PDB file of all heavy atoms in Angstrom:
ATOM      1  N   LEU A   1       0.826  -1.191   0.013  1.00  0.00           N
ATOM      2  CA  LEU A   1      -0.014  -0.002  -0.013  1.00  0.00           C
ATOM      3  C   LEU A   1       0.872   1.265  -0.010  1.00  0.00           C
ATOM      4  O   LEU A   1       0.534   2.246  -0.644  1.00  0.00           O
ATOM      5  CB  LEU A   1      -0.922   0.018   1.212  1.00  0.00           C
ATOM      6  CG  LEU A   1      -2.040  -1.037   1.210  1.00  0.00           C
ATOM      7  CD1 LEU A   1      -2.867  -0.929   2.471  1.00  0.00           C
ATOM      8  CD2 LEU A   1      -2.919  -0.943  -0.010  1.00  0.00           C
ATOM      9  N   SER A   2       1.970   1.207   0.711  1.00  0.00           N
ATOM     10  CA  SER A   2       2.881   2.336   0.736  1.00  0.00           C
ATOM     11  C   SER A   2       3.522   2.596  -0.603  1.00  0.00           C
ATOM     12  O   SER A   2       3.940   3.733  -0.919  1.00  0.00           O
ATOM     13  CB  SER A   2       4.000   2.122   1.784  1.00  0.00           C
ATOM     14  OG  SER A   2       4.960   1.179   1.343  1.00  0.00           O
ATOM     15  N   ARG A   3       3.577   1.552  -1.427  1.00  0.00           N
ATOM     16  CA  ARG A   3       4.132   1.673  -2.791  1.00  0.00           C
ATOM     17  C   ARG A   3       3.033   1.995  -3.843  1.00  0.00           C
ATOM     18  O   ARG A   3       3.291   2.007  -5.012  1.00  0.00           O
ATOM     19  CB  ARG A   3       4.833   0.379  -3.192  1.00  0.00           C
ATOM     20  CG  ARG A   3       6.127   0.078  -2.419  1.00  0.00           C
ATOM     21  CD  ARG A   3       7.279   0.949  -2.918  1.00  0.00           C
ATOM     22  NE  ARG A   3       8.545   0.571  -2.294  1.00  0.00           N
ATOM     23  CZ  ARG A   3       9.500  -0.180  -2.902  1.00  0.00           C
ATOM     24  NH1 ARG A   3       9.284  -0.625  -4.143  1.00  0.00           N
ATOM     25  NH2 ARG A   3      10.621  -0.462  -2.300  1.00  0.00           N
ATOM     26  N   GLY A   4       1.814   2.169  -3.399  1.00  0.00           N
ATOM     27  CA  GLY A   4       0.731   2.583  -4.284  1.00  0.00           C
ATOM     28  C   GLY A   4      -0.069   1.470  -4.908  1.00  0.00           C
ATOM     29  O   GLY A   4      -0.767   1.724  -5.908  1.00  0.00           O
ATOM     30  N   ALA A   5      -0.023   0.284  -4.363  1.00  0.00           N
ATOM     31  CA  ALA A   5      -0.839  -0.833  -4.900  1.00  0.00           C
ATOM     32  C   ALA A   5      -2.309  -0.501  -4.898  1.00  0.00           C
ATOM     33  O   ALA A   5      -2.830   0.037  -3.919  1.00  0.00           O
ATOM     34  CB  ALA A   5      -0.557  -2.111  -4.107  1.00  0.00           C
ATOM     35  N   LYS A   6      -2.950  -0.820  -6.011  1.00  0.00           N
ATOM     36  CA  LYS A   6      -4.414  -0.539  -6.178  1.00  0.00           C
ATOM     37  C   LYS A   6      -5.238  -1.835  -6.071  1.00  0.00           C
ATOM     38  O   LYS A   6      -6.460  -1.764  -6.003  1.00  0.00           O
ATOM     39  CB  LYS A   6      -4.689   0.145  -7.492  1.00  0.00           C
ATOM     40  CG  LYS A   6      -4.040   1.523  -7.633  1.00  0.00           C
ATOM     41  CD  LYS A   6      -4.624   2.473  -6.558  1.00  0.00           C
ATOM     42  CE  LYS A   6      -4.149   3.922  -6.825  1.00  0.00           C
ATOM     43  NZ  LYS A   6      -2.689   4.107  -6.719  1.00  0.00           N
ATOM     44  N   LEU A   7      -4.589  -2.987  -6.059  1.00  0.00           N
ATOM     45  CA  LEU A   7      -5.231  -4.228  -5.834  1.00  0.00           C
ATOM     46  C   LEU A   7      -4.163  -5.258  -5.440  1.00  0.00           C
ATOM     47  O   LEU A   7      -2.971  -5.016  -5.626  1.00  0.00           O
ATOM     48  CB  LEU A   7      -5.994  -4.780  -7.052  1.00  0.00           C
ATOM     49  CG  LEU A   7      -5.298  -5.177  -8.319  1.00  0.00           C
ATOM     50  CD1 LEU A   7      -6.171  -6.015  -9.190  1.00  0.00           C
ATOM     51  CD2 LEU A   7      -4.846  -3.934  -9.125  1.00  0.00           C
ATOM     52  N   VAL A   8      -4.584  -6.390  -4.815  1.00  0.00           N
ATOM     53  CA  VAL A   8      -3.612  -7.398  -4.402  1.00  0.00           C
ATOM     54  C   VAL A   8      -4.171  -8.786  -4.786  1.00  0.00           C
ATOM     55  O   VAL A   8      -5.399  -8.963  -4.942  1.00  0.00           O
ATOM     56  CB  VAL A   8      -3.343  -7.399  -2.882  1.00  0.00           C
ATOM     57  CG1 VAL A   8      -2.804  -6.042  -2.422  1.00  0.00           C
ATOM     58  CG2 VAL A   8      -4.622  -7.726  -2.096  1.00  0.00           C
ATOM     59  N   CYS A   9      -3.294  -9.707  -5.016  1.00  0.00           N
ATOM     60  CA  CYS A   9      -3.655 -11.107  -5.292  1.00  0.00           C
ATOM     61  C   CYS A   9      -3.525 -11.930  -4.006  1.00  0.00           C
ATOM     62  O   CYS A   9      -2.524 -11.897  -3.329  1.00  0.00           O
ATOM     63  CB  CYS A   9      -2.714 -11.696  -6.359  1.00  0.00           C
ATOM     64  SG  CYS A   9      -3.322 -11.615  -8.018  1.00  0.00           S
ATOM     65  N   VAL A  10      -4.568 -12.678  -3.722  1.00  0.00           N
ATOM     66  CA  VAL A  10      -4.506 -13.703  -2.660  1.00  0.00           C
ATOM     67  C   VAL A  10      -4.900 -15.014  -3.288  1.00  0.00           C
ATOM     68  O   VAL A  10      -5.841 -15.104  -4.061  1.00  0.00           O
ATOM     69  CB  VAL A  10      -5.454 -13.353  -1.507  1.00  0.00           C
ATOM     70  CG1 VAL A  10      -5.529 -14.474  -0.482  1.00  0.00           C
ATOM     71  CG2 VAL A  10      -4.994 -12.058  -0.811  1.00  0.00           C
ATOM     72  N   ARG A  11      -4.199 -16.065  -2.951  1.00  0.00           N
ATOM     73  CA  ARG A  11      -4.462 -17.388  -3.586  1.00  0.00           C
ATOM     74  C   ARG A  11      -5.821 -17.900  -3.121  1.00  0.00           C
ATOM     75  O   ARG A  11      -6.115 -17.921  -1.929  1.00  0.00           O
ATOM     76  CB  ARG A  11      -3.364 -18.373  -3.202  1.00  0.00           C
ATOM     77  CG  ARG A  11      -3.415 -19.716  -3.926  1.00  0.00           C
ATOM     78  CD  ARG A  11      -2.179 -20.566  -3.633  1.00  0.00           C
ATOM     79  NE  ARG A  11      -2.124 -20.954  -2.222  1.00  0.00           N
ATOM     80  CZ  ARG A  11      -1.976 -22.211  -1.826  1.00  0.00           C
ATOM     81  NH1 ARG A  11      -1.867 -23.179  -2.684  1.00  0.00           N
ATOM     82  NH2 ARG A  11      -1.903 -22.481  -0.525  1.00  0.00           N
ATOM     83  N   PRO A  12      -6.644 -18.371  -4.063  1.00  0.00           N
ATOM     84  CA  PRO A  12      -7.967 -18.966  -3.684  1.00  0.00           C
ATOM     85  C   PRO A  12      -7.710 -20.398  -3.174  1.00  0.00           C
ATOM     86  O   PRO A  12      -7.831 -21.386  -3.895  1.00  0.00           O
ATOM     87  CB  PRO A  12      -8.722 -18.972  -5.024  1.00  0.00           C
ATOM     88  CG  PRO A  12      -7.677 -19.061  -6.073  1.00  0.00           C
ATOM     89  CD  PRO A  12      -6.464 -18.334  -5.527  1.00  0.00           C
ATOM     90  N   ALA A  13      -7.442 -20.487  -1.914  1.00  0.00           N
ATOM     91  CA  ALA A  13      -7.039 -21.792  -1.330  1.00  0.00           C
ATOM     92  C   ALA A  13      -7.054 -21.678   0.218  1.00  0.00           C
ATOM     93  O   ALA A  13      -6.999 -20.575   0.756  1.00  0.00           O
ATOM     94  CB  ALA A  13      -5.626 -22.124  -1.791  1.00  0.00           C
ATOM     95  N   PRO A  14      -7.090 -22.819   0.867  1.00  0.00           N
ATOM     96  CA  PRO A  14      -6.874 -22.780   2.316  1.00  0.00           C
ATOM     97  C   PRO A  14      -5.528 -22.187   2.618  1.00  0.00           C
ATOM     98  O   PRO A  14      -4.571 -22.333   1.851  1.00  0.00           O
ATOM     99  CB  PRO A  14      -6.909 -24.312   2.690  1.00  0.00           C
ATOM    100  CG  PRO A  14      -7.645 -24.948   1.599  1.00  0.00           C
ATOM    101  CD  PRO A  14      -7.358 -24.175   0.377  1.00  0.00           C
ATOM    102  N   VAL A  15      -5.452 -21.503   3.751  1.00  0.00           N
ATOM    103  CA  VAL A  15      -4.197 -20.807   4.099  1.00  0.00           C
ATOM    104  C   VAL A  15      -3.257 -21.790   4.767  1.00  0.00           C
ATOM    105  O   VAL A  15      -3.647 -22.460   5.759  1.00  0.00           O
ATOM    106  CB  VAL A  15      -4.494 -19.647   5.038  1.00  0.00           C
ATOM    107  CG1 VAL A  15      -3.205 -18.930   5.465  1.00  0.00           C
ATOM    108  CG2 VAL A  15      -5.471 -18.646   4.391  1.00  0.00           C
ATOM    109  N   PRO A  16      -2.036 -21.965   4.299  1.00  0.00           N
ATOM    110  CA  PRO A  16      -1.088 -22.890   4.953  1.00  0.00           C
ATOM    111  C   PRO A  16      -0.821 -22.441   6.425  1.00  0.00           C
ATOM    112  O   PRO A  16      -0.740 -21.272   6.727  1.00  0.00           O
ATOM    113  CB  PRO A  16       0.200 -22.727   4.134  1.00  0.00           C
ATOM    114  CG  PRO A  16      -0.273 -22.207   2.790  1.00  0.00           C
ATOM    115  CD  PRO A  16      -1.435 -21.305   3.106  1.00  0.00           C
ATOM    116  N   GLY A  17      -0.699 -23.439   7.280  1.00  0.00           N
ATOM    117  CA  GLY A  17      -0.420 -23.151   8.684  1.00  0.00           C
ATOM    118  C   GLY A  17       0.635 -24.068   9.203  1.00  0.00           C
ATOM    119  O   GLY A  17       0.931 -25.129   8.584  1.00  0.00           O
ATOM    120  N   LEU A  18       1.243 -23.735  10.332  1.00  0.00           N
ATOM    121  CA  LEU A  18       2.291 -24.572  10.914  1.00  0.00           C
ATOM    122  C   LEU A  18       1.731 -25.910  11.380  1.00  0.00           C
ATOM    123  O   LEU A  18       2.391 -26.955  11.298  1.00  0.00           O
ATOM    124  CB  LEU A  18       2.931 -23.859  12.093  1.00  0.00           C
ATOM    125  CG  LEU A  18       3.814 -22.632  11.747  1.00  0.00           C
ATOM    126  CD1 LEU A  18       4.278 -21.938  13.017  1.00  0.00           C
ATOM    127  CD2 LEU A  18       5.038 -23.094  10.935  1.00  0.00           C
ATOM    128  N   VAL A  19       0.504 -25.911  11.919  1.00  0.00           N
ATOM    129  CA  VAL A  19      -0.102 -27.116  12.415  1.00  0.00           C
ATOM    130  C   VAL A  19      -1.106 -27.712  11.442  1.00  0.00           C
ATOM    131  O   VAL A  19      -1.108 -28.890  11.115  1.00  0.00           O
ATOM    132  CB  VAL A  19      -0.769 -26.868  13.800  1.00  0.00           C
ATOM    133  CG1 VAL A  19      -1.453 -28.139  14.309  1.00  0.00           C
ATOM    134  CG2 VAL A  19       0.246 -26.349  14.780  1.00  0.00           C
ATOM    135  N   ARG A  20      -2.020 -26.859  10.959  1.00  0.00           N
ATOM    136  CA  ARG A  20      -3.016 -27.243   9.959  1.00  0.00           C
ATOM    137  C   ARG A  20      -3.428 -26.036   9.164  1.00  0.00           C
ATOM    138  O   ARG A  20      -3.213 -24.896   9.585  1.00  0.00           O
ATOM    139  CB  ARG A  20      -4.198 -27.883  10.690  1.00  0.00           C
ATOM    140  CG  ARG A  20      -4.955 -26.942  11.594  1.00  0.00           C
ATOM    141  CD  ARG A  20      -6.122 -27.648  12.255  1.00  0.00           C
ATOM    142  NE  ARG A  20      -6.858 -26.716  13.150  1.00  0.00           N
ATOM    143  CZ  ARG A  20      -7.872 -27.044  13.874  1.00  0.00           C
ATOM    144  NH1 ARG A  20      -8.326 -28.308  13.861  1.00  0.00           N
ATOM    145  NH2 ARG A  20      -8.498 -26.184  14.655  1.00  0.00           N
ATOM    146  N   PRO A  21      -4.045 -26.244   8.012  1.00  0.00           N
ATOM    147  CA  PRO A  21      -4.504 -25.104   7.208  1.00  0.00           C
ATOM    148  C   PRO A  21      -5.627 -24.352   7.901  1.00  0.00           C
ATOM    149  O   PRO A  21      -6.251 -24.851   8.825  1.00  0.00           O
ATOM    150  CB  PRO A  21      -4.981 -25.742   5.894  1.00  0.00           C
ATOM    151  CG  PRO A  21      -4.433 -27.117   5.905  1.00  0.00           C
ATOM    152  CD  PRO A  21      -4.268 -27.525   7.320  1.00  0.00           C
ATOM    153  N   ARG A  22      -5.830 -23.112   7.440  1.00  0.00           N
ATOM    154  CA  ARG A  22      -6.874 -22.256   7.997  1.00  0.00           C
ATOM    155  C   ARG A  22      -7.789 -21.781   6.892  1.00  0.00           C
ATOM    156  O   ARG A  22      -7.440 -21.662   5.726  1.00  0.00           O
ATOM    157  CB  ARG A  22      -6.257 -21.021   8.691  1.00  0.00           C
ATOM    158  CG  ARG A  22      -5.352 -21.294   9.869  1.00  0.00           C
ATOM    159  CD  ARG A  22      -4.943 -19.994  10.561  1.00  0.00           C
ATOM    160  NE  ARG A  22      -4.224 -19.073   9.666  1.00  0.00           N
ATOM    161  CZ  ARG A  22      -2.891 -19.149   9.493  1.00  0.00           C
ATOM    162  NH1 ARG A  22      -2.184 -20.053  10.082  1.00  0.00           N
ATOM    163  NH2 ARG A  22      -2.303 -18.305   8.657  1.00  0.00           N
ATOM    164  N   SER A  23      -9.006 -21.426   7.308  1.00  0.00           N
ATOM    165  CA  SER A  23      -9.958 -20.796   6.417  1.00  0.00           C
ATOM    166  C   SER A  23      -9.496 -19.343   6.184  1.00  0.00           C
ATOM    167  O   SER A  23      -8.920 -18.692   7.065  1.00  0.00           O
ATOM    168  CB  SER A  23     -11.350 -20.759   7.038  1.00  0.00           C
ATOM    169  OG  SER A  23     -12.216 -19.889   6.343  1.00  0.00           O
ATOM    170  N   LEU A  24      -9.827 -18.829   4.950  1.00  0.00           N
ATOM    171  CA  LEU A  24      -9.563 -17.438   4.727  1.00  0.00           C
ATOM    172  C   LEU A  24     -10.389 -16.561   5.664  1.00  0.00           C
ATOM    173  O   LEU A  24     -10.036 -15.405   5.913  1.00  0.00           O
ATOM    174  CB  LEU A  24      -9.916 -17.100   3.255  1.00  0.00           C
ATOM    175  CG  LEU A  24      -8.956 -17.642   2.201  1.00  0.00           C
ATOM    176  CD1 LEU A  24      -9.626 -17.702   0.840  1.00  0.00           C
ATOM    177  CD2 LEU A  24      -7.701 -16.769   2.130  1.00  0.00           C
TER     178      LEU A  24
END
């Protein structure tokens, strides 16, 4: 955001976790 981003990409997937994946 400090560099002026107007959109971001997030992977459409469960979020990797150290123990188990997480919901978005």
